[in-house]
Amino acid sequence: MSIDVPPAADTADSAADSAADVLAAAPAAGPDALRATHERLRATFRTGRTRSYEWRHQQLTALGRLVEENEERIAQALHADLGRTPAEAWLGDLSSTTAEIEFARKRLRRWMRRRRTGLPLNQRPASAWIQYDPLGTVLVIGPWNYPVYLVLSPLVAAIAAGNCAVLKPSELAPACSALMAELIPAYLDSSAIAVVEGDGETTQQLLALGFDHALFTGGTEVGRHILAGAAATLTPVTLELGGKSPVIVHRDADLEVAARRIAWLKLMNSGQTCIAPDYVLVDRAVADRFVGLLTATLAEFTADRGAGLRVVNERQHARLVGCLERTRGEIVLGGTSDAEALTIAPTVVLDPAPDDAVMADELFGPILPVLRYTAIDDAIDLIEQRPAPLALYCFTGDAAVREQVGRVAAGGIVFNHVAMHVLAPQLPFGGVGESGMGAYHGEWGFQTLSHRKPVLVKTTWPDPRFVYPPYTDAALRLMRRLF
């Protein structure tokens, strides 16, 4: 099956998910080289070496050293690709990766244990358990917006589960892609873990090889192509996509805290984060005060950053500027841009219409629409008219409101903060509907990339004759009672 898979990217579907974004992709490995890599890893898996606790623990330890010993080089690559500051590089890609590695290392032995289970009376005498077997060779297709964390975090799950892995970093973050291609074989078992650089055509060729699982992080439209490509070889997939993640600010919210936390995440990586607040719904009774606090906080947080925040490329910049040019909402902060520097000032758009350009697709940039609502039901209705988002945030202390908002379909919900669920490895992270399928992080990643194999051990005695044909009426009556 031949499909057109655009380059892997975590961004608005109408823009940088397009293959036209690739202006200078890394030289792609040819089909023969990809096939050879795939076969080499599968041969390694068949030896059984990756199944042992010792191999898994050693590889996780080495991955931790990779991050620790190369923090400066990783930060430099993130700056080259995305204009990140060292602080944002540590917070966005490094601290979260390190935490994921350490969480898995400390719990790996427990995760790997067989889990015994009871049996019904008609199965006894017998014993049964569930064991977690590696799937085999998995494919990780990374995005450009967090090009280290969102490649290495799925790799943690793959290693913990005892798999071999092919990593395909995004060509839209070429410095990070090249660094991963250099560091991974220097620190990890190169017979079991490989990095493949290339563009969307490379992704297509990898999917055609047939993996035991594929994990993709990126935009919804590219996710459709990934799913279609995986279907040809019946490859199971985990899709971490995106969508317009809303924030509800209820009338009882601590407005100063809400403004700080929303502004903090919206500014991180210039708003190019799949779980960034995409729009805010604020109770009309407190809207004016909240907007004032929000705009002041955004200005304060970016006072040392010059005229604007850099976005990834010209296509993304033009799309965001076009949204601002077409908006019918009131721009109460920002609105300026610099095409040469690829920067956009942090911008707040007040009360755009639901069908406004800034409300059409995931923004994935430093633009934040704010809409006023009168009743909480109205806010929920507006959210539910759209595809389920990857994240939903709500600032309130009202338990009844939390219960009502908690029923809204979303990949995850956080009350009185933003994004914190991603940093808790005890929680699964994933989408629902158009925001994705499947989940990982912590033990959830271990289970996603393991086969939960049921094992039943029976005795050879007793072996009652009545369960075998030919069946008498009496035997059938007895079996009906037993089974």
Protein backbone atom coordinates (compact mmCIF):
# COMPACT_ATOMS: atom_id res chain seq x y z
CA MET A 1 0.00 0.00 0.00
CA SER A 2 1.43 3.40 -0.92
CA ILE A 3 0.44 6.41 1.13
CA ASP A 4 1.54 10.01 1.26
CA VAL A 5 2.86 10.56 4.78
CA PRO A 6 3.81 14.19 5.41
CA PRO A 7 6.68 14.92 7.82
CA ALA A 8 6.07 14.11 11.48
CA ALA A 9 5.11 17.28 13.32
CA ASP A 10 3.16 18.34 16.38
CA THR A 11 1.37 21.39 15.08
CA ALA A 12 -1.82 22.76 13.63
CA ASP A 13 -3.12 20.43 10.96
CA SER A 14 -3.58 23.12 8.32
CA ALA A 15 0.03 24.27 8.41
CA ALA A 16 3.32 22.64 9.33
CA ASP A 17 1.93 19.13 9.01
CA SER A 18 2.43 19.57 5.27
CA ALA A 19 5.36 18.10 3.39
CA ALA A 20 5.91 21.59 1.98
CA ASP A 21 7.42 22.54 5.31
CA VAL A 22 10.51 20.48 4.57
CA LEU A 23 12.96 22.88 2.99
CA ALA A 24 16.21 21.10 3.77
CA ALA A 25 15.59 17.64 5.14
CA ALA A 26 18.42 15.38 6.21
CA PRO A 27 19.51 12.86 3.60
CA ALA A 28 17.14 9.94 3.88
CA ALA A 29 18.27 6.35 4.16
CA GLY A 30 17.22 4.28 1.18
CA PRO A 31 14.71 1.43 1.35
CA ASP A 32 17.44 -1.21 1.40
CA ALA A 33 19.23 0.44 4.32
CA LEU A 34 15.96 0.80 6.24
CA ARG A 35 15.11 -2.84 5.64
CA ALA A 36 18.57 -3.91 6.79
CA THR A 37 18.22 -1.89 9.99
CA HIS A 38 14.79 -3.35 10.64
CA GLU A 39 16.00 -6.91 10.07
CA ARG A 40 19.07 -6.37 12.25
CA LEU A 41 16.94 -5.23 15.18
CA ARG A 42 14.48 -8.07 14.73
CA ALA A 43 17.38 -10.53 14.74
CA THR A 44 18.60 -9.01 17.99
CA PHE A 45 15.17 -9.37 19.53
CA ARG A 46 15.02 -13.03 18.57
CA THR A 47 18.16 -13.69 20.63
CA GLY A 48 16.14 -12.84 23.75
CA ARG A 49 18.80 -10.46 25.07
CA THR A 50 16.45 -7.52 25.49
CA ARG A 51 14.06 -9.52 27.69
CA SER A 52 16.28 -9.60 30.76
CA TYR A 53 15.94 -7.21 33.65
CA GLU A 54 19.68 -6.55 33.50
CA TRP A 55 19.61 -5.37 29.87
CA ARG A 56 16.62 -3.13 30.41
CA HIS A 57 18.02 -1.58 33.59
CA GLN A 58 21.44 -1.04 32.02
CA GLN A 59 19.94 0.67 28.98
CA LEU A 60 17.78 2.97 31.11
CA THR A 61 20.84 3.87 33.19
CA ALA A 62 22.80 4.64 30.03
CA LEU A 63 19.95 6.77 28.71
CA GLY A 64 20.00 8.77 31.94
CA ARG A 65 23.74 9.35 31.47
CA LEU A 66 23.13 10.47 27.89
CA VAL A 67 20.84 13.25 29.09
CA GLU A 68 22.94 14.23 32.09
CA GLU A 69 26.29 14.32 30.31
CA ASN A 70 25.01 16.16 27.24
CA GLU A 71 22.68 18.73 28.76
CA GLU A 72 24.61 21.65 27.30
CA ARG A 73 24.77 20.15 23.80
CA ILE A 74 21.06 19.31 23.88
CA ALA A 75 20.24 22.85 24.99
CA GLN A 76 22.34 24.25 22.14
CA ALA A 77 20.54 22.05 19.61
CA LEU A 78 17.15 23.13 20.97
CA HIS A 79 18.22 26.76 20.67
CA ALA A 80 19.38 26.22 17.09
CA ASP A 81 16.13 24.54 16.07
CA LEU A 82 13.57 26.46 18.13
CA GLY A 83 15.25 29.45 19.74
CA ARG A 84 14.79 27.94 23.22
CA THR A 85 16.48 29.47 26.24
CA PRO A 86 18.56 27.08 28.41
CA ALA A 87 15.90 27.29 31.13
CA GLU A 88 13.13 26.28 28.71
CA ALA A 89 15.32 23.52 27.27
CA TRP A 90 15.79 22.06 30.75
CA LEU A 91 12.14 22.46 31.73
CA GLY A 92 10.56 21.33 28.47
CA ASP A 93 12.80 18.48 27.33
CA LEU A 94 15.41 17.52 29.91
CA SER A 95 13.80 17.49 33.36
CA SER A 96 10.77 15.60 32.12
CA THR A 97 12.92 13.04 30.30
CA THR A 98 15.11 12.47 33.34
CA ALA A 99 12.09 12.05 35.60
CA GLU A 100 10.58 9.48 33.23
CA ILE A 101 13.85 7.50 33.14
CA GLU A 102 14.26 7.45 36.92
CA PHE A 103 10.64 6.52 37.53
CA ALA A 104 11.00 3.49 35.24
CA ARG A 105 14.41 2.44 36.59
CA LYS A 106 13.17 2.31 40.18
CA ARG A 107 10.03 0.33 39.37
CA LEU A 108 11.15 -1.88 36.53
CA ARG A 109 11.54 -5.11 38.49
CA ARG A 110 8.04 -4.79 39.95
CA TRP A 111 6.51 -4.03 36.55
CA MET A 112 8.10 -7.15 35.07
CA ARG A 113 6.72 -9.56 37.68
CA ARG A 114 4.07 -12.07 36.77
CA ARG A 115 0.68 -11.11 38.17
CA ARG A 116 -1.18 -14.11 39.48
CA THR A 117 -4.94 -14.27 39.24
CA GLY A 118 -7.71 -16.42 40.64
CA LEU A 119 -9.74 -18.91 38.65
CA PRO A 120 -13.38 -20.03 38.68
CA LEU A 121 -14.24 -23.31 40.37
CA ASN A 122 -14.75 -25.12 37.06
CA GLN A 123 -11.09 -24.46 36.10
CA ARG A 124 -9.57 -25.93 39.25
CA PRO A 125 -7.15 -27.45 39.99
CA ALA A 126 -4.97 -25.02 38.02
CA SER A 127 -2.91 -21.89 38.36
CA ALA A 128 -2.90 -18.78 36.20
CA TRP A 129 -1.01 -15.55 35.75
CA ILE A 130 -0.48 -12.65 33.38
CA GLN A 131 3.04 -12.09 32.15
CA TYR A 132 4.32 -9.04 30.32
CA ASP A 133 6.17 -10.01 27.15
CA PRO A 134 8.01 -7.52 24.90
CA LEU A 135 6.21 -6.83 21.65
CA GLY A 136 9.36 -7.01 19.53
CA THR A 137 10.56 -4.02 17.50
CA VAL A 138 8.76 -0.70 17.88
CA LEU A 139 8.87 2.51 15.85
CA VAL A 140 8.91 5.93 17.52
CA ILE A 141 8.08 8.85 15.20
CA GLY A 142 8.96 12.10 16.97
CA PRO A 143 7.75 15.69 16.51
CA TRP A 144 9.72 18.90 16.14
CA ASN A 145 8.30 20.91 19.03
CA TYR A 146 9.84 18.83 21.87
CA PRO A 147 12.28 16.88 19.74
CA VAL A 148 14.22 15.34 22.63
CA TYR A 149 11.56 14.61 25.24
CA LEU A 150 9.02 13.23 22.77
CA VAL A 151 11.57 10.84 21.27
CA LEU A 152 13.28 9.72 24.47
CA SER A 153 10.17 9.39 26.64
CA PRO A 154 8.59 6.77 24.33
CA LEU A 155 12.03 5.13 24.16
CA VAL A 156 11.95 4.74 27.95
CA ALA A 157 8.72 2.78 27.61
CA ALA A 158 10.13 0.67 24.77
CA ILE A 159 13.26 -0.22 26.73
CA ALA A 160 11.39 -0.88 29.97
CA ALA A 161 9.14 -3.31 28.11
CA GLY A 162 12.17 -5.12 26.64
CA ASN A 163 11.76 -4.08 23.01
CA CYS A 164 14.11 -3.10 20.24
CA ALA A 165 13.34 0.33 18.81
CA VAL A 166 13.78 2.50 15.73
CA LEU A 167 13.67 6.22 16.45
CA LYS A 168 12.65 8.62 13.67
CA PRO A 169 13.26 12.21 14.88
CA SER A 170 11.61 15.11 13.10
CA GLU A 171 13.48 16.60 10.16
CA LEU A 172 12.00 19.97 11.15
CA ALA A 173 14.37 19.99 14.14
CA PRO A 174 17.55 19.07 12.25
CA ALA A 175 20.07 19.95 14.97
CA CYS A 176 18.28 17.78 17.53
CA SER A 177 17.79 15.00 15.00
CA ALA A 178 21.50 14.94 14.16
CA LEU A 179 22.43 15.01 17.85
CA MET A 180 20.16 12.06 18.62
CA ALA A 181 21.66 10.15 15.69
CA GLU A 182 25.11 10.76 17.17
CA LEU A 183 24.40 10.14 20.87
CA ILE A 184 22.00 7.18 20.84
CA PRO A 185 24.48 4.66 19.36
CA ALA A 186 27.27 6.07 21.56
CA TYR A 187 25.35 5.33 24.78
CA LEU A 188 22.86 2.56 23.99
CA ASP A 189 22.93 -0.94 22.51
CA SER A 190 23.19 -0.18 18.79
CA SER A 191 22.19 -3.72 17.87
CA ALA A 192 18.80 -3.11 19.51
CA ILE A 193 18.18 0.65 19.20
CA ALA A 194 18.68 2.67 16.02
CA VAL A 195 18.07 6.24 14.86
CA VAL A 196 16.86 6.86 11.31
CA GLU A 197 16.89 10.41 9.95
CA GLY A 198 14.80 11.52 7.03
CA ASP A 199 11.55 13.13 5.93
CA GLY A 200 7.99 11.99 5.37
CA GLU A 201 9.03 9.55 2.65
CA THR A 202 11.30 7.85 5.17
CA THR A 203 8.39 7.58 7.58
CA GLN A 204 6.30 5.98 4.83
CA GLN A 205 9.03 3.46 4.05
CA LEU A 206 9.49 2.58 7.73
CA LEU A 207 5.77 1.97 8.22
CA ALA A 208 5.72 -0.29 5.18
CA LEU A 209 8.29 -2.59 6.82
CA GLY A 210 5.84 -3.63 9.51
CA PHE A 211 6.64 -3.03 13.19
CA ASP A 212 5.19 -4.61 16.30
CA HIS A 213 3.99 -1.19 17.46
CA ALA A 214 4.32 2.41 16.26
CA LEU A 215 4.08 5.48 18.48
CA PHE A 216 3.56 8.83 16.76
CA THR A 217 3.39 12.32 18.25
CA GLY A 218 2.14 15.07 15.95
CA GLY A 219 -0.84 16.70 14.32
CA THR A 220 -4.21 15.09 13.73
CA GLU A 221 -4.06 15.06 9.93
CA VAL A 222 -0.64 13.44 9.85
CA GLY A 223 -1.94 11.01 12.47
CA ARG A 224 -4.54 9.86 9.95
CA HIS A 225 -1.79 9.12 7.43
CA ILE A 226 0.23 7.25 10.05
CA LEU A 227 -2.80 5.14 10.95
CA ALA A 228 -3.49 4.39 7.29
CA GLY A 229 0.12 3.41 6.67
CA ALA A 230 0.21 1.18 9.74
CA ALA A 231 -3.02 -0.54 8.68
CA ALA A 232 -1.33 -2.12 5.66
CA THR A 233 0.87 -4.24 7.95
CA LEU A 234 -1.61 -4.41 10.86
CA THR A 235 0.82 -2.47 13.03
CA PRO A 236 -0.79 -1.36 16.32
CA VAL A 237 -0.40 2.37 16.93
CA THR A 238 -0.38 4.88 19.73
CA LEU A 239 -1.21 8.35 18.42
CA GLU A 240 -0.50 11.41 20.56
CA LEU A 241 -2.13 14.22 18.60
CA GLY A 242 -3.50 17.60 19.66
CA GLY A 243 -6.50 19.84 19.21
CA LYS A 244 -7.76 23.10 20.67
CA SER A 245 -7.23 22.61 24.40
CA PRO A 246 -9.56 24.98 26.27
CA VAL A 247 -9.31 26.65 29.67
CA ILE A 248 -12.39 27.50 31.72
CA VAL A 249 -11.97 30.28 34.28
CA HIS A 250 -15.00 30.15 36.58
CA ARG A 251 -16.19 33.14 38.56
CA ASP A 252 -14.81 31.74 41.84
CA ALA A 253 -11.29 31.14 40.46
CA ASP A 254 -8.18 32.72 41.91
CA LEU A 255 -7.70 35.00 38.93
CA GLU A 256 -4.10 35.97 39.64
CA VAL A 257 -3.02 32.33 39.88
CA ALA A 258 -5.04 31.42 36.78
CA ALA A 259 -3.47 34.25 34.76
CA ARG A 260 0.07 33.28 35.81
CA ARG A 261 -0.34 29.58 35.09
CA ILE A 262 -2.09 30.07 31.75
CA ALA A 263 0.48 32.63 30.61
CA TRP A 264 3.38 30.41 31.72
CA LEU A 265 2.35 27.45 29.57
CA LYS A 266 1.13 29.53 26.64
CA LEU A 267 4.52 31.21 26.35
CA MET A 268 6.55 28.02 26.69
CA ASN A 269 8.08 27.11 23.33
CA SER A 270 6.20 30.06 21.81
CA GLY A 271 2.89 28.28 22.34
CA GLN A 272 4.04 25.35 20.20
CA THR A 273 2.95 22.73 22.71
CA CYS A 274 0.24 20.15 22.06
CA ILE A 275 -1.31 20.69 25.51
CA ALA A 276 -0.91 24.49 25.57
CA PRO A 277 -4.05 26.52 26.32
CA ASP A 278 -5.54 27.21 22.91
CA TYR A 279 -8.40 29.40 24.05
CA VAL A 280 -9.86 30.64 27.34
CA LEU A 281 -13.51 30.73 28.35
CA VAL A 282 -13.95 33.14 31.26
CA ASP A 283 -17.07 33.93 33.28
CA ARG A 284 -18.42 37.30 32.23
CA ALA A 285 -18.61 38.45 35.87
CA VAL A 286 -14.81 38.35 36.23
CA ALA A 287 -13.74 38.67 32.59
CA ASP A 288 -12.49 42.27 32.64
CA ARG A 289 -10.30 41.70 35.70
CA PHE A 290 -8.97 38.41 34.33
CA VAL A 291 -8.08 39.89 30.93
CA GLY A 292 -6.25 42.72 32.66
CA LEU A 293 -4.27 40.28 34.78
CA LEU A 294 -3.55 38.02 31.82
CA THR A 295 -2.22 40.77 29.57
CA ALA A 296 -0.12 42.24 32.36
CA THR A 297 1.33 38.82 33.18
CA LEU A 298 2.15 38.03 29.55
CA ALA A 299 3.92 41.38 29.25
CA GLU A 300 5.84 40.77 32.48
CA PHE A 301 6.93 37.27 31.51
CA THR A 302 8.27 38.44 28.13
CA ALA A 303 9.81 41.76 29.15
CA ASP A 304 13.32 40.45 28.42
CA ARG A 305 12.51 38.70 25.14
CA GLY A 306 12.40 41.57 22.70
CA ALA A 307 9.61 42.14 20.20
CA GLY A 308 8.23 38.65 19.88
CA LEU A 309 8.50 34.88 20.21
CA ARG A 310 10.03 32.78 17.46
CA VAL A 311 7.96 30.13 15.69
CA VAL A 312 9.35 27.17 13.83
CA ASN A 313 9.28 28.20 10.17
CA GLU A 314 7.93 30.56 7.52
CA ARG A 315 4.83 28.53 6.78
CA GLN A 316 3.79 28.39 10.41
CA HIS A 317 4.51 32.11 10.81
CA ALA A 318 2.45 33.04 7.76
CA ARG A 319 -0.47 30.92 8.94
CA LEU A 320 -0.53 32.53 12.38
CA VAL A 321 -0.22 36.05 10.95
CA GLY A 322 -3.08 35.24 8.58
CA CYS A 323 -5.26 34.21 11.51
CA LEU A 324 -4.61 37.56 13.18
CA GLU A 325 -5.29 39.49 9.98
CA ARG A 326 -8.66 37.78 9.55
CA THR A 327 -9.85 37.84 13.15
CA ARG A 328 -12.97 39.77 14.01
CA GLY A 329 -12.09 39.77 17.70
CA GLU A 330 -10.47 42.67 19.54
CA ILE A 331 -6.69 42.43 19.83
CA VAL A 332 -6.05 43.69 23.36
CA LEU A 333 -2.36 42.72 23.52
CA GLY A 334 0.29 42.17 20.86
CA GLY A 335 -0.74 41.50 17.28
CA THR A 336 2.63 42.48 15.79
CA SER A 337 5.00 40.17 13.93
CA ASP A 338 8.32 40.07 12.10
CA ALA A 339 8.43 37.79 9.06
CA GLU A 340 12.21 37.96 8.74
CA ALA A 341 12.84 36.97 12.36
CA LEU A 342 9.87 34.54 12.37
CA THR A 343 8.56 36.17 15.55
CA ILE A 344 5.07 37.02 16.77
CA ALA A 345 4.33 39.11 19.83
CA PRO A 346 2.31 37.36 22.56
CA THR A 347 -1.24 38.20 21.53
CA VAL A 348 -4.61 38.15 23.27
CA VAL A 349 -7.74 38.28 21.10
CA LEU A 350 -10.92 39.13 23.01
CA ASP A 351 -14.30 37.71 22.06
CA PRO A 352 -13.67 36.28 18.58
CA ALA A 353 -16.71 34.57 17.11
CA PRO A 354 -16.80 30.76 17.40
CA ASP A 355 -16.19 30.54 13.63
CA ASP A 356 -13.37 33.14 13.67
CA ALA A 357 -10.02 32.28 12.08
CA VAL A 358 -8.32 32.03 15.48
CA MET A 359 -10.97 29.52 16.59
CA ALA A 360 -10.91 27.32 13.50
CA ASP A 361 -7.91 25.05 14.12
CA GLU A 362 -5.29 24.44 16.78
CA LEU A 363 -3.26 27.66 16.89
CA PHE A 364 0.10 26.26 17.97
CA GLY A 365 1.61 29.68 18.51
CA PRO A 366 1.68 32.65 20.93
CA ILE A 367 -1.92 33.70 20.23
CA LEU A 368 -4.61 33.25 22.88
CA PRO A 369 -8.31 33.92 22.19
CA VAL A 370 -10.40 34.80 25.26
CA LEU A 371 -14.19 34.39 25.09
CA ARG A 372 -16.65 35.50 27.77
CA TYR A 373 -19.50 33.25 28.85
CA THR A 374 -22.58 33.83 30.99
CA ALA A 375 -23.34 30.31 32.27
CA ILE A 376 -21.04 27.33 32.71
CA ASP A 377 -23.37 25.29 30.50
CA ASP A 378 -22.62 27.69 27.64
CA ALA A 379 -18.87 27.18 28.04
CA ILE A 380 -19.25 23.41 28.11
CA ASP A 381 -21.52 23.45 25.05
CA LEU A 382 -18.92 25.38 23.06
CA ILE A 383 -16.22 22.87 23.99
CA GLU A 384 -18.40 19.88 23.20
CA GLN A 385 -19.26 21.23 19.75
CA ARG A 386 -15.62 20.68 18.81
CA PRO A 387 -13.52 17.52 18.58
CA ALA A 388 -12.33 16.26 21.98
CA PRO A 389 -9.13 18.10 22.96
CA LEU A 390 -5.92 16.53 24.24
CA ALA A 391 -6.23 18.55 27.46
CA LEU A 392 -8.95 20.49 29.27
CA TYR A 393 -8.21 22.93 32.07
CA CYS A 394 -10.58 24.51 34.56
CA PHE A 395 -9.91 26.98 37.36
CA THR A 396 -12.53 26.67 40.08
CA GLY A 397 -12.99 25.64 43.69
CA ASP A 398 -16.61 24.64 43.15
CA ALA A 399 -17.01 20.86 43.46
CA ALA A 400 -20.25 20.89 41.44
CA VAL A 401 -18.54 22.69 38.57
CA ARG A 402 -15.62 20.25 38.72
CA GLU A 403 -18.05 17.35 38.50
CA GLN A 404 -19.80 18.91 35.50
CA VAL A 405 -16.59 19.77 33.65
CA GLY A 406 -15.10 16.38 34.50
CA ARG A 407 -17.69 14.70 32.28
CA VAL A 408 -16.47 16.52 29.16
CA ALA A 409 -14.57 14.30 26.71
CA ALA A 410 -10.86 15.14 26.72
CA GLY A 411 -7.57 13.31 26.80
CA GLY A 412 -6.92 14.60 30.32
CA ILE A 413 -8.30 17.22 32.70
CA VAL A 414 -6.42 19.44 35.16
CA PHE A 415 -8.17 21.65 37.68
CA ASN A 416 -6.50 24.85 38.90
CA HIS A 417 -3.33 24.34 36.88
CA VAL A 418 -2.16 23.48 33.36
CA ALA A 419 -0.09 20.59 31.94
CA MET A 420 0.79 19.11 35.34
CA HIS A 421 -0.76 15.74 34.45
CA VAL A 422 1.96 15.21 31.83
CA LEU A 423 4.63 15.47 34.54
CA ALA A 424 3.01 12.80 36.74
CA PRO A 425 4.24 9.39 35.48
CA GLN A 426 1.62 7.70 37.67
CA LEU A 427 -1.02 9.03 35.25
CA PRO A 428 -1.59 7.81 31.68
CA PHE A 429 -1.07 10.46 29.02
CA GLY A 430 -3.03 10.19 25.80
CA GLY A 431 -5.84 11.55 23.72
CA VAL A 432 -9.36 10.55 22.81
CA GLY A 433 -11.13 10.84 19.46
CA GLU A 434 -9.27 13.21 17.16
CA SER A 435 -6.73 14.05 19.88
CA GLY A 436 -5.28 10.55 19.78
CA MET A 437 -5.53 6.92 20.79
CA GLY A 438 -3.66 4.90 23.37
CA ALA A 439 -1.59 6.22 26.26
CA TYR A 440 1.85 6.00 27.77
CA HIS A 441 4.12 7.44 30.55
CA GLY A 442 5.28 5.44 33.55
CA GLU A 443 3.80 1.98 33.90
CA TRP A 444 1.19 2.88 31.30
CA GLY A 445 3.96 3.09 28.69
CA PHE A 446 5.40 -0.23 29.86
CA GLN A 447 2.01 -1.88 29.45
CA THR A 448 1.29 -0.23 26.09
CA LEU A 449 4.51 -1.67 24.66
CA SER A 450 4.09 -5.09 26.30
CA HIS A 451 1.88 -8.02 25.42
CA ARG A 452 -0.21 -9.00 28.45
CA LYS A 453 0.01 -12.74 27.92
CA PRO A 454 -2.42 -14.94 29.86
CA VAL A 455 -0.91 -18.22 31.05
CA LEU A 456 -3.01 -21.11 32.42
CA VAL A 457 -1.40 -24.25 33.88
CA LYS A 458 -3.72 -27.25 34.30
CA THR A 459 -3.10 -30.58 35.96
CA THR A 460 -3.60 -33.86 34.10
CA TRP A 461 -5.78 -35.19 36.91
CA PRO A 462 -8.69 -35.21 37.36
CA ASP A 463 -9.80 -35.72 33.77
CA PRO A 464 -13.54 -36.45 33.98
CA ARG A 465 -14.88 -38.51 31.09
CA PHE A 466 -18.25 -36.74 30.90
CA VAL A 467 -16.71 -33.60 29.28
CA TYR A 468 -15.81 -35.57 26.14
CA PRO A 469 -18.20 -36.78 23.42
CA PRO A 470 -20.42 -38.56 22.86
CA TYR A 471 -22.49 -36.60 25.35
CA THR A 472 -25.28 -38.19 27.35
CA ASP A 473 -28.20 -36.16 28.64
CA ALA A 474 -26.86 -36.54 32.14
CA ALA A 475 -23.42 -35.32 31.08
CA LEU A 476 -24.92 -32.25 29.40
CA ARG A 477 -26.99 -31.41 32.49
CA LEU A 478 -23.88 -31.64 34.64
CA MET A 479 -21.81 -29.51 32.28
CA ARG A 480 -24.53 -26.84 32.22
CA ARG A 481 -24.25 -26.61 35.99
CA LEU A 482 -20.45 -26.55 35.98
CA PHE A 483 -19.76 -24.30 33.02
